[in-house]
C-alpha atoms as a PDB file:
ATOM      1  CA  UNK A   1       1.635   8.601  -2.551  1.00  0.00           C
ATOM      2  CA  UNK A   2       0.956  12.245  -3.195  1.00  0.00           C
ATOM      3  CA  UNK A   3      -1.265  13.354  -0.307  1.00  0.00           C
ATOM      4  CA  UNK A   4      -0.219  16.170   2.063  1.00  0.00           C
ATOM      5  CA  UNK A   5      -2.112  14.630   5.006  1.00  0.00           C
ATOM      6  CA  UNK A   6      -0.335  11.328   4.444  1.00  0.00           C
ATOM      7  CA  UNK A   7       2.964  13.237   4.345  1.00  0.00           C
ATOM      8  CA  UNK A   8       2.217  14.659   7.788  1.00  0.00           C
ATOM      9  CA  UNK A   9       1.718  11.140   9.162  1.00  0.00           C
ATOM     10  CA  UNK A  10       4.644   9.276   7.546  1.00  0.00           C
ATOM     11  CA  UNK A  11       6.820  11.895   5.851  1.00  0.00           C
ATOM     12  CA  UNK A  12       9.075  10.172   3.334  1.00  0.00           C
ATOM     13  CA  UNK A  13       9.152   6.898   5.286  1.00  0.00           C
ATOM     14  CA  UNK A  14       7.696   4.794   2.454  1.00  0.00           C
ATOM     15  CA  UNK A  15       9.946   1.914   1.437  1.00  0.00           C
ATOM     16  CA  UNK A  16       9.816  -0.974  -0.975  1.00  0.00           C
ATOM     17  CA  UNK A  17       9.967  -3.975   1.359  1.00  0.00           C
ATOM     18  CA  UNK A  18      12.922  -5.553  -0.433  1.00  0.00           C
ATOM     19  CA  UNK A  19      14.972  -2.346  -0.296  1.00  0.00           C
ATOM     20  CA  UNK A  20      15.474  -1.972   3.453  1.00  0.00           C
ATOM     21  CA  UNK A  21      18.384  -3.593   5.246  1.00  0.00           C
ATOM     22  CA  UNK A  22      17.550  -2.430   8.763  1.00  0.00           C
ATOM     23  CA  UNK A  23      14.435  -1.603  10.742  1.00  0.00           C
ATOM     24  CA  UNK A  24      13.441   2.049  10.281  1.00  0.00           C
ATOM     25  CA  UNK A  25      13.934   3.863  13.584  1.00  0.00           C
ATOM     26  CA  UNK A  26      11.161   6.436  13.131  1.00  0.00           C
ATOM     27  CA  UNK A  27       7.596   5.211  13.072  1.00  0.00           C
ATOM     28  CA  UNK A  28       5.072   5.030  11.574  1.00  0.00           C
ATOM     29  CA  UNK A  29       6.321   3.918   8.190  1.00  0.00           C
ATOM     30  CA  UNK A  30       4.929   2.124   5.143  1.00  0.00           C
ATOM     31  CA  UNK A  31       6.400  -0.920   3.414  1.00  0.00           C
ATOM     32  CA  UNK A  32       5.028  -1.910   0.022  1.00  0.00           C
ATOM     33  CA  UNK A  33       5.509  -4.750  -2.392  1.00  0.00           C
ATOM     34  CA  UNK A  34       4.208  -5.512  -5.840  1.00  0.00           C
ATOM     35  CA  UNK A  35       2.825  -8.928  -6.700  1.00  0.00           C
ATOM     36  CA  UNK A  36       3.043 -10.834  -9.958  1.00  0.00           C
ATOM     37  CA  UNK A  37       1.597  -9.115 -13.009  1.00  0.00           C
ATOM     38  CA  UNK A  38      -0.897 -11.238 -14.958  1.00  0.00           C
ATOM     39  CA  UNK A  39      -3.140 -10.884 -18.010  1.00  0.00           C
ATOM     40  CA  UNK A  40      -6.684  -9.889 -17.194  1.00  0.00           C
ATOM     41  CA  UNK A  41      -9.350  -8.359 -19.365  1.00  0.00           C
ATOM     42  CA  UNK A  42      -9.545  -8.322 -23.132  1.00  0.00           C
ATOM     43  CA  UNK A  43     -11.675  -5.492 -24.436  1.00  0.00           C
ATOM     44  CA  UNK A  44     -13.754  -5.386 -27.614  1.00  0.00           C
ATOM     45  CA  UNK A  45     -10.825  -3.665 -29.266  1.00  0.00           C
ATOM     46  CA  UNK A  46      -8.650  -6.731 -28.588  1.00  0.00           C
ATOM     47  CA  UNK A  47      -6.384  -4.870 -26.180  1.00  0.00           C
ATOM     48  CA  UNK A  48      -5.319  -7.077 -23.300  1.00  0.00           C
ATOM     49  CA  UNK A  49      -5.141  -5.465 -19.892  1.00  0.00           C
ATOM     50  CA  UNK A  50      -2.961  -6.784 -17.109  1.00  0.00           C
ATOM     51  CA  UNK A  51      -3.446  -6.691 -13.366  1.00  0.00           C
ATOM     52  CA  UNK A  52      -0.825  -6.380 -10.663  1.00  0.00           C
ATOM     53  CA  UNK A  53      -1.493  -6.490  -6.928  1.00  0.00           C
ATOM     54  CA  UNK A  54       0.226  -4.127  -4.539  1.00  0.00           C
ATOM     55  CA  UNK A  55       0.266  -4.614  -0.796  1.00  0.00           C
ATOM     56  CA  UNK A  56       1.024  -1.777   1.630  1.00  0.00           C
ATOM     57  CA  UNK A  57       1.919  -2.500   5.268  1.00  0.00           C
ATOM     58  CA  UNK A  58       1.647   0.344   7.791  1.00  0.00           C
ATOM     59  CA  UNK A  59       3.936  -0.216  10.793  1.00  0.00           C
ATOM     60  CA  UNK A  60       3.819   1.628  14.108  1.00  0.00           C
ATOM     61  CA  UNK A  61       4.995   1.322  17.700  1.00  0.00           C
ATOM     62  CA  UNK A  62       3.100  -1.298  19.709  1.00  0.00           C
ATOM     63  CA  UNK A  63      -0.047  -0.017  21.360  1.00  0.00           C
ATOM     64  CA  UNK A  64      -3.026   1.553  19.648  1.00  0.00           C
ATOM     65  CA  UNK A  65      -3.934   0.850  16.010  1.00  0.00           C
ATOM     66  CA  UNK A  66      -5.732   4.221  15.621  1.00  0.00           C
ATOM     67  CA  UNK A  67      -2.850   5.928  13.793  1.00  0.00           C
ATOM     68  CA  UNK A  68      -2.459   2.923  11.467  1.00  0.00           C
ATOM     69  CA  UNK A  69      -6.183   3.076  10.728  1.00  0.00           C
ATOM     70  CA  UNK A  70      -5.948   6.815   9.903  1.00  0.00           C
ATOM     71  CA  UNK A  71      -3.035   6.170   7.553  1.00  0.00           C
ATOM     72  CA  UNK A  72      -4.900   3.344   5.795  1.00  0.00           C
ATOM     73  CA  UNK A  73      -7.841   5.715   5.222  1.00  0.00           C
ATOM     74  CA  UNK A  74      -5.464   8.291   3.698  1.00  0.00           C
ATOM     75  CA  UNK A  75      -3.827   5.671   1.480  1.00  0.00           C
ATOM     76  CA  UNK A  76      -7.221   4.515   0.233  1.00  0.00           C
ATOM     77  CA  UNK A  77      -8.338   8.085  -0.475  1.00  0.00           C
ATOM     78  CA  UNK A  78      -5.111   8.630  -2.417  1.00  0.00           C
ATOM     79  CA  UNK A  79      -5.013   5.416  -4.438  1.00  0.00           C
ATOM     80  CA  UNK A  80      -8.554   4.211  -5.041  1.00  0.00           C
ATOM     81  CA  UNK A  81      -9.757   5.104  -8.508  1.00  0.00           C
ATOM     82  CA  UNK A  82      -6.455   6.733  -9.480  1.00  0.00           C
ATOM     83  CA  UNK A  83      -5.490   6.751 -13.140  1.00  0.00           C
ATOM     84  CA  UNK A  84      -2.326   7.659 -14.987  1.00  0.00           C
ATOM     85  CA  UNK A  85      -0.666   7.038 -18.320  1.00  0.00           C
ATOM     86  CA  UNK A  86       0.452   3.619 -17.047  1.00  0.00           C
ATOM     87  CA  UNK A  87      -2.408   2.654 -14.709  1.00  0.00           C
ATOM     88  CA  UNK A  88      -5.965   2.446 -16.007  1.00  0.00           C
ATOM     89  CA  UNK A  89      -7.391   2.016 -12.520  1.00  0.00           C
ATOM     90  CA  UNK A  90      -6.400   1.267  -8.941  1.00  0.00           C
ATOM     91  CA  UNK A  91      -8.953  -0.877  -7.120  1.00  0.00           C
ATOM     92  CA  UNK A  92      -9.080  -1.457  -3.343  1.00  0.00           C
ATOM     93  CA  UNK A  93      -9.357  -5.157  -2.442  1.00  0.00           C
ATOM     94  CA  UNK A  94      -9.073  -5.517   1.330  1.00  0.00           C
ATOM     95  CA  UNK A  95      -7.534  -4.484   4.613  1.00  0.00           C
ATOM     96  CA  UNK A  96      -6.120  -6.903   7.154  1.00  0.00           C
ATOM     97  CA  UNK A  97      -6.930  -7.507  10.767  1.00  0.00           C
ATOM     98  CA  UNK A  98      -4.648  -6.134  13.482  1.00  0.00           C
ATOM     99  CA  UNK A  99      -1.260  -7.850  13.275  1.00  0.00           C
ATOM    100  CA  UNK A 100       1.980  -7.898  15.226  1.00  0.00           C
ATOM    101  CA  UNK A 101       5.318  -8.092  13.392  1.00  0.00           C
ATOM    102  CA  UNK A 102       7.823  -9.699  15.750  1.00  0.00           C
ATOM    103  CA  UNK A 103      10.717  -9.228  13.297  1.00  0.00           C
ATOM    104  CA  UNK A 104      10.147  -5.474  12.952  1.00  0.00           C
ATOM    105  CA  UNK A 105       9.030  -5.053  16.608  1.00  0.00           C
ATOM    106  CA  UNK A 106       5.892  -3.238  15.460  1.00  0.00           C
ATOM    107  CA  UNK A 107       2.167  -3.554  15.144  1.00  0.00           C
ATOM    108  CA  UNK A 108       0.909  -3.482  11.575  1.00  0.00           C
ATOM    109  CA  UNK A 109      -2.037  -3.752   9.228  1.00  0.00           C
ATOM    110  CA  UNK A 110      -1.968  -4.002   5.462  1.00  0.00           C
ATOM    111  CA  UNK A 111      -4.150  -3.020   2.542  1.00  0.00           C
ATOM    112  CA  UNK A 112      -4.207  -4.711  -0.832  1.00  0.00           C
ATOM    113  CA  UNK A 113      -4.965  -2.984  -4.119  1.00  0.00           C
ATOM    114  CA  UNK A 114      -5.075  -4.138  -7.701  1.00  0.00           C
ATOM    115  CA  UNK A 115      -3.472  -2.028 -10.397  1.00  0.00           C
ATOM    116  CA  UNK A 116      -5.002  -2.460 -13.837  1.00  0.00           C
ATOM    117  CA  UNK A 117      -2.578  -1.554 -16.649  1.00  0.00           C
END
């Protein structure tokens, strides 16, 4: 997530959810996970596109969700509409309600995006 403002908020504390073995000590941090890739659109040229969801959880110390909300805005500004050699488009789908993660001892919200390859 290449955004200097996002770097100020979370630094390099962005982890694939399956890669951490202990709770990160410094907050806030972002956990992400990719969903199952599936076929999607077939264009007039016969090229089949595929879609893959990605979910990003922003975790913070219990209390106010304002910092989480700011980070979600920065993530959306960074990802929505992005294109690369591998990703045709990144589409925002939704953001969650305020949540509490009792296993991570944090408050959290998530955003879901759909990557179109």
